[in-house]
C-alpha atoms as a PDB file:
ATOM      1  CA  MET A   1      -5.258 -31.224  13.667  1.00  0.00           C
ATOM      2  CA  ASP A   2      -2.328 -33.010  15.286  1.00  0.00           C
ATOM      3  CA  ASP A   3      -0.283 -32.188  18.408  1.00  0.00           C
ATOM      4  CA  ARG A   4       2.226 -30.020  16.508  1.00  0.00           C
ATOM      5  CA  GLY A   5       0.037 -26.918  16.723  1.00  0.00           C
ATOM      6  CA  VAL A   6      -1.315 -27.549  20.232  1.00  0.00           C
ATOM      7  CA  ALA A   7       1.743 -26.390  22.216  1.00  0.00           C
ATOM      8  CA  ARG A   8       1.956 -23.107  20.307  1.00  0.00           C
ATOM      9  CA  ARG A   9      -1.745 -22.410  20.798  1.00  0.00           C
ATOM     10  CA  THR A  10      -1.479 -23.245  24.505  1.00  0.00           C
ATOM     11  CA  VAL A  11       1.337 -20.724  24.932  1.00  0.00           C
ATOM     12  CA  LEU A  12      -0.545 -18.076  22.983  1.00  0.00           C
ATOM     13  CA  VAL A  13      -3.792 -18.614  24.886  1.00  0.00           C
ATOM     14  CA  GLY A  14      -2.113 -18.839  28.293  1.00  0.00           C
ATOM     15  CA  GLY A  15       0.350 -15.979  27.721  1.00  0.00           C
ATOM     16  CA  SER A  16      -0.016 -12.774  29.669  1.00  0.00           C
ATOM     17  CA  PRO A  17      -1.548  -9.652  28.142  1.00  0.00           C
ATOM     18  CA  LEU A  18       1.853  -7.960  28.311  1.00  0.00           C
ATOM     19  CA  LEU A  19       3.385 -10.723  26.211  1.00  0.00           C
ATOM     20  CA  GLY A  20       0.611 -10.236  23.668  1.00  0.00           C
ATOM     21  CA  LEU A  21       1.261  -6.504  23.557  1.00  0.00           C
ATOM     22  CA  GLY A  22       4.984  -7.104  23.081  1.00  0.00           C
ATOM     23  CA  ILE A  23       4.405  -9.492  20.210  1.00  0.00           C
ATOM     24  CA  ALA A  24       1.893  -7.190  18.519  1.00  0.00           C
ATOM     25  CA  GLY A  25       4.325  -4.290  18.810  1.00  0.00           C
ATOM     26  CA  CYS A  26       7.069  -6.275  17.094  1.00  0.00           C
ATOM     27  CA  LEU A  27       4.820  -7.323  14.250  1.00  0.00           C
ATOM     28  CA  GLY A  28       3.126  -4.018  13.491  1.00  0.00           C
ATOM     29  CA  ASP A  29       0.104  -4.609  11.294  1.00  0.00           C
ATOM     30  CA  GLU A  30       1.250  -8.135  10.429  1.00  0.00           C
ATOM     31  CA  GLU A  31      -0.472  -9.636  13.482  1.00  0.00           C
ATOM     32  CA  ASP A  32      -0.927 -13.025  11.832  1.00  0.00           C
ATOM     33  CA  GLU A  33       2.778 -13.631  11.198  1.00  0.00           C
ATOM     34  CA  HIS A  34       4.384 -16.869  12.309  1.00  0.00           C
ATOM     35  CA  ALA A  35       7.350 -16.670  14.705  1.00  0.00           C
ATOM     36  CA  LEU A  36       9.940 -15.582  12.156  1.00  0.00           C
ATOM     37  CA  GLY A  37      13.326 -16.381  13.661  1.00  0.00           C
ATOM     38  CA  ASN A  38      12.121 -19.602  15.303  1.00  0.00           C
ATOM     39  CA  PRO A  39      12.286 -22.322  12.604  1.00  0.00           C
ATOM     40  CA  GLU A  40       9.813 -25.160  13.067  1.00  0.00           C
ATOM     41  CA  PRO A  41       9.466 -28.607  11.444  1.00  0.00           C
ATOM     42  CA  TYR A  42       5.790 -28.071  10.576  1.00  0.00           C
ATOM     43  CA  VAL A  43       3.592 -25.021  10.011  1.00  0.00           C
ATOM     44  CA  GLU A  44      -0.051 -24.893   8.973  1.00  0.00           C
ATOM     45  CA  VAL A  45      -0.976 -21.961   6.724  1.00  0.00           C
ATOM     46  CA  ARG A  46      -4.658 -21.136   6.413  1.00  0.00           C
ATOM     47  CA  THR A  47      -6.001 -19.637   3.202  1.00  0.00           C
ATOM     48  CA  THR A  48      -8.956 -17.296   3.139  1.00  0.00           C
ATOM     49  CA  SER A  49     -10.721 -15.103   0.613  1.00  0.00           C
ATOM     50  CA  GLU A  50     -10.989 -12.325   3.204  1.00  0.00           C
ATOM     51  CA  GLY A  51      -9.734  -8.945   1.985  1.00  0.00           C
ATOM     52  CA  GLY A  52      -9.042 -10.168  -1.553  1.00  0.00           C
ATOM     53  CA  GLY A  53      -7.379 -13.351  -0.285  1.00  0.00           C
ATOM     54  CA  ARG A  54      -4.558 -14.006   2.138  1.00  0.00           C
ATOM     55  CA  PHE A  55      -2.293 -16.629   3.652  1.00  0.00           C
ATOM     56  CA  ASP A  56      -2.245 -16.772   7.459  1.00  0.00           C
ATOM     57  CA  PRO A  57       0.542 -16.604   8.440  1.00  0.00           C
ATOM     58  CA  GLY A  58       2.019 -14.857   5.408  1.00  0.00           C
ATOM     59  CA  VAL A  59       5.637 -15.662   6.334  1.00  0.00           C
ATOM     60  CA  VAL A  60       6.762 -18.949   7.889  1.00  0.00           C
ATOM     61  CA  HIS A  61      10.172 -20.177   9.058  1.00  0.00           C
ATOM     62  CA  LEU A  62      11.014 -23.876   8.751  1.00  0.00           C
ATOM     63  CA  VAL A  63      13.929 -26.107   9.602  1.00  0.00           C
ATOM     64  CA  ARG A  64      15.509 -27.804   6.598  1.00  0.00           C
ATOM     65  CA  GLY A  65      13.239 -30.725   5.704  1.00  0.00           C
ATOM     66  CA  GLY A  66      10.251 -28.959   7.288  1.00  0.00           C
ATOM     67  CA  THR A  67       6.734 -29.059   5.897  1.00  0.00           C
ATOM     68  CA  VAL A  68       4.087 -26.433   5.241  1.00  0.00           C
ATOM     69  CA  GLU A  69       0.481 -27.567   4.996  1.00  0.00           C
ATOM     70  CA  TRP A  70      -1.927 -25.131   3.317  1.00  0.00           C
ATOM     71  CA  VAL A  71      -5.535 -25.482   4.473  1.00  0.00           C
ATOM     72  CA  PRO A  72      -8.393 -23.495   2.888  1.00  0.00           C
ATOM     73  CA  GLU A  73     -10.767 -21.963   5.418  1.00  0.00           C
ATOM     74  CA  GLU A  74     -13.118 -20.571   2.783  1.00  0.00           C
ATOM     75  CA  GLY A  75     -13.300 -20.248  -0.971  1.00  0.00           C
ATOM     76  CA  VAL A  76     -11.224 -21.980  -3.612  1.00  0.00           C
ATOM     77  CA  HIS A  77      -7.450 -21.456  -3.603  1.00  0.00           C
ATOM     78  CA  ASP A  78      -4.228 -22.788  -5.031  1.00  0.00           C
ATOM     79  CA  VAL A  79      -0.631 -22.635  -3.845  1.00  0.00           C
ATOM     80  CA  VAL A  80       1.909 -22.023  -6.603  1.00  0.00           C
ATOM     81  CA  ALA A  81       5.636 -21.270  -6.475  1.00  0.00           C
ATOM     82  CA  TYR A  82       6.795 -18.159  -8.291  1.00  0.00           C
ATOM     83  CA  HIS A  83       8.798 -19.953 -10.947  1.00  0.00           C
ATOM     84  CA  PRO A  84       8.676 -19.779 -14.776  1.00  0.00           C
ATOM     85  CA  ASP A  85       7.640 -23.459 -14.886  1.00  0.00           C
ATOM     86  CA  THR A  86       4.585 -22.842 -12.675  1.00  0.00           C
ATOM     87  CA  HIS A  87       3.738 -19.127 -12.473  1.00  0.00           C
ATOM     88  CA  GLY A  88       5.452 -15.815 -12.906  1.00  0.00           C
ATOM     89  CA  PRO A  89       8.060 -14.212 -15.122  1.00  0.00           C
ATOM     90  CA  ARG A  90      11.050 -15.344 -13.051  1.00  0.00           C
ATOM     91  CA  SER A  91      11.939 -17.665 -10.209  1.00  0.00           C
ATOM     92  CA  ARG A  92      11.543 -16.472  -6.624  1.00  0.00           C
ATOM     93  CA  THR A  93      12.822 -19.772  -5.214  1.00  0.00           C
ATOM     94  CA  PRO A  94      16.388 -20.942  -4.518  1.00  0.00           C
ATOM     95  CA  THR A  95      18.440 -21.886  -7.556  1.00  0.00           C
ATOM     96  CA  ALA A  96      18.060 -25.508  -8.716  1.00  0.00           C
ATOM     97  CA  THR A  97      14.946 -26.230  -6.643  1.00  0.00           C
ATOM     98  CA  GLU A  98      11.845 -27.724  -8.171  1.00  0.00           C
ATOM     99  CA  PRO A  99       8.724 -25.533  -8.255  1.00  0.00           C
ATOM    100  CA  TRP A 100       5.442 -26.752  -6.841  1.00  0.00           C
ATOM    101  CA  ALA A 101       1.753 -26.196  -7.567  1.00  0.00           C
ATOM    102  CA  SER A 102      -1.173 -27.578  -5.616  1.00  0.00           C
ATOM    103  CA  GLY A 103      -4.045 -27.431  -8.049  1.00  0.00           C
ATOM    104  CA  SER A 104      -7.425 -26.162  -6.795  1.00  0.00           C
ATOM    105  CA  LEU A 105      -8.120 -26.537  -3.073  1.00  0.00           C
ATOM    106  CA  GLN A 106     -11.317 -25.953  -1.138  1.00  0.00           C
ATOM    107  CA  GLY A 107     -12.811 -26.817   2.250  1.00  0.00           C
ATOM    108  CA  GLY A 108     -11.813 -30.261   3.494  1.00  0.00           C
ATOM    109  CA  GLU A 109      -8.752 -30.435   1.247  1.00  0.00           C
ATOM    110  CA  SER A 110      -5.172 -29.462   1.957  1.00  0.00           C
ATOM    111  CA  TYR A 111      -1.788 -29.431   0.273  1.00  0.00           C
ATOM    112  CA  ASP A 112       1.585 -29.967   1.882  1.00  0.00           C
ATOM    113  CA  HIS A 113       5.103 -29.478   0.606  1.00  0.00           C
ATOM    114  CA  GLU A 114       8.390 -30.519   2.199  1.00  0.00           C
ATOM    115  CA  PHE A 115      11.265 -28.045   1.840  1.00  0.00           C
ATOM    116  CA  GLU A 116      14.640 -29.800   1.654  1.00  0.00           C
ATOM    117  CA  THR A 117      16.765 -26.922   0.360  1.00  0.00           C
ATOM    118  CA  GLU A 118      17.748 -24.009   2.576  1.00  0.00           C
ATOM    119  CA  GLY A 119      16.589 -20.686   1.149  1.00  0.00           C
ATOM    120  CA  VAL A 120      13.718 -18.249   0.735  1.00  0.00           C
ATOM    121  CA  TYR A 121      10.673 -19.185  -1.356  1.00  0.00           C
ATOM    122  CA  ASP A 122       7.826 -16.939  -2.539  1.00  0.00           C
ATOM    123  CA  TYR A 123       4.488 -18.296  -3.674  1.00  0.00           C
ATOM    124  CA  THR A 124       0.994 -17.102  -4.538  1.00  0.00           C
ATOM    125  CA  CYS A 125      -2.614 -18.097  -4.962  1.00  0.00           C
ATOM    126  CA  VAL A 126      -3.054 -17.402  -8.671  1.00  0.00           C
ATOM    127  CA  ARG A 127      -6.818 -16.904  -8.227  1.00  0.00           C
ATOM    128  CA  HIS A 128      -6.222 -14.100  -5.690  1.00  0.00           C
ATOM    129  CA  GLU A 129      -2.839 -12.722  -6.785  1.00  0.00           C
ATOM    130  CA  GLU A 130      -4.442  -9.466  -7.984  1.00  0.00           C
ATOM    131  CA  GLY A 131      -5.582  -8.905  -4.378  1.00  0.00           C
ATOM    132  CA  GLY A 132      -2.019  -9.371  -3.046  1.00  0.00           C
ATOM    133  CA  MET A 133      -2.254 -12.994  -1.923  1.00  0.00           C
ATOM    134  CA  ALA A 134       1.407 -13.998  -1.753  1.00  0.00           C
ATOM    135  CA  GLY A 135       3.407 -15.804   0.911  1.00  0.00           C
ATOM    136  CA  THR A 136       6.998 -16.528   1.872  1.00  0.00           C
ATOM    137  CA  VAL A 137       8.701 -19.616   3.287  1.00  0.00           C
ATOM    138  CA  VAL A 138      12.146 -19.285   4.894  1.00  0.00           C
ATOM    139  CA  VAL A 139      14.029 -22.563   5.274  1.00  0.00           C
ATOM    140  CA  GLY A 140      16.941 -22.651   7.712  1.00  0.00           C
ATOM    141  CA  TRP A 141      19.243 -19.637   7.970  1.00  0.00           C
ATOM    142  CA  PRO A 142      20.329 -18.929   4.380  1.00  0.00           C
ATOM    143  CA  GLU A 143      22.732 -16.162   3.434  1.00  0.00           C
ATOM    144  CA  PRO A 144      20.508 -13.323   2.222  1.00  0.00           C
ATOM    145  CA  GLU A 145      22.714 -12.485  -0.760  1.00  0.00           C
ATOM    146  CA  GLY A 146      21.834 -14.441  -3.868  1.00  0.00           C
ATOM    147  CA  GLN A 147      18.306 -15.356  -2.730  1.00  0.00           C
ATOM    148  CA  PRO A 148      15.963 -14.705  -5.695  1.00  0.00           C
ATOM    149  CA  ALA A 149      13.019 -14.216  -3.316  1.00  0.00           C
ATOM    150  CA  LEU A 150      14.801 -11.294  -1.644  1.00  0.00           C
ATOM    151  CA  GLU A 151      15.199  -9.346  -4.882  1.00  0.00           C
ATOM    152  CA  PRO A 152      12.639  -6.592  -5.525  1.00  0.00           C
ATOM    153  CA  ALA A 153       9.421  -8.068  -6.910  1.00  0.00           C
ATOM    154  CA  SER A 154       8.990  -7.894 -10.656  1.00  0.00           C
ATOM    155  CA  ARG A 155       6.734  -5.114 -11.846  1.00  0.00           C
ATOM    156  CA  GLU A 156       5.294  -7.712 -14.199  1.00  0.00           C
ATOM    157  CA  LEU A 157       3.371  -8.986 -11.165  1.00  0.00           C
ATOM    158  CA  PRO A 158       0.112  -7.386 -10.030  1.00  0.00           C
ATOM    159  CA  ASP A 159       0.840  -4.305  -7.878  1.00  0.00           C
ATOM    160  CA  ALA A 160      -0.750  -5.726  -4.716  1.00  0.00           C
ATOM    161  CA  ALA A 161       1.225  -8.980  -5.008  1.00  0.00           C
ATOM    162  CA  ALA A 162       4.494  -7.107  -5.637  1.00  0.00           C
ATOM    163  CA  GLU A 163       3.851  -4.900  -2.595  1.00  0.00           C
ATOM    164  CA  SER A 164       3.107  -7.908  -0.403  1.00  0.00           C
ATOM    165  CA  ILE A 165       6.243  -9.725  -1.576  1.00  0.00           C
ATOM    166  CA  ASP A 166       8.446  -6.659  -1.072  1.00  0.00           C
ATOM    167  CA  ARG A 167       7.081  -6.065   2.446  1.00  0.00           C
ATOM    168  CA  GLN A 168       7.690  -9.710   3.395  1.00  0.00           C
ATOM    169  CA  SER A 169      11.146  -9.707   1.784  1.00  0.00           C
ATOM    170  CA  ASP A 170      12.182  -6.656   3.807  1.00  0.00           C
ATOM    171  CA  ARG A 171      11.317  -8.447   7.073  1.00  0.00           C
ATOM    172  CA  VAL A 172      13.090 -11.646   6.018  1.00  0.00           C
ATOM    173  CA  ARG A 173      16.195  -9.814   4.781  1.00  0.00           C
ATOM    174  CA  GLU A 174      16.440  -7.878   8.065  1.00  0.00           C
ATOM    175  CA  LEU A 175      16.264 -11.114  10.084  1.00  0.00           C
ATOM    176  CA  LEU A 176      18.821 -12.950   7.938  1.00  0.00           C
ATOM    177  CA  GLU A 177      21.255 -10.019   7.853  1.00  0.00           C
ATOM    178  CA  GLU A 178      21.042  -9.779  11.645  1.00  0.00           C
ATOM    179  CA  GLU A 179      21.631 -13.543  11.954  1.00  0.00           C
ATOM    180  CA  HIS A 180      24.672 -13.348   9.675  1.00  0.00           C
ATOM    181  CA  GLY A 181      26.046 -10.251  11.453  1.00  0.00           C
ATOM    182  CA  ARG A 182      25.343  -7.683   8.727  1.00  0.00           C
ATOM    183  CA  GLU A 183      23.097  -5.153  10.448  1.00  0.00           C
END
């Protein structure tokens, strides 16, 4: 691991119990969520087979040109954009962006992707999609209207994945509408 994650961990470890309670209260049962509303240039997302599979954190917020690195903690995973060219019935990425797909990943391997275009991106682990393993990347501060990833999830997706996407989209939409003054 490099120094990019050290400062955040230091703050989290050294923070007071009251700060921890405040953060947990804001996140509800999404305790693993990244600091949505605080875009970063780099975020590491861990993948696990726990509970049917999950990304941790499930939602990340990047600056334009930021990078996400997916790192498997256990099991075999992949990271695939919801896009007709890679996986899914319709695109859940910004218009005119290229989809991505990692191929199989397991312990000791990782996959990173740089996000140049502002917008909201949904992705999944195809192997664990039935269990609801889907994630969201927010890049910059896009207008929420016209973002394919903020539309209701297609019922052509597995129920658990659609529920995960819709839950994440609600949080992202709320943040972006607040940022753009549309509460």
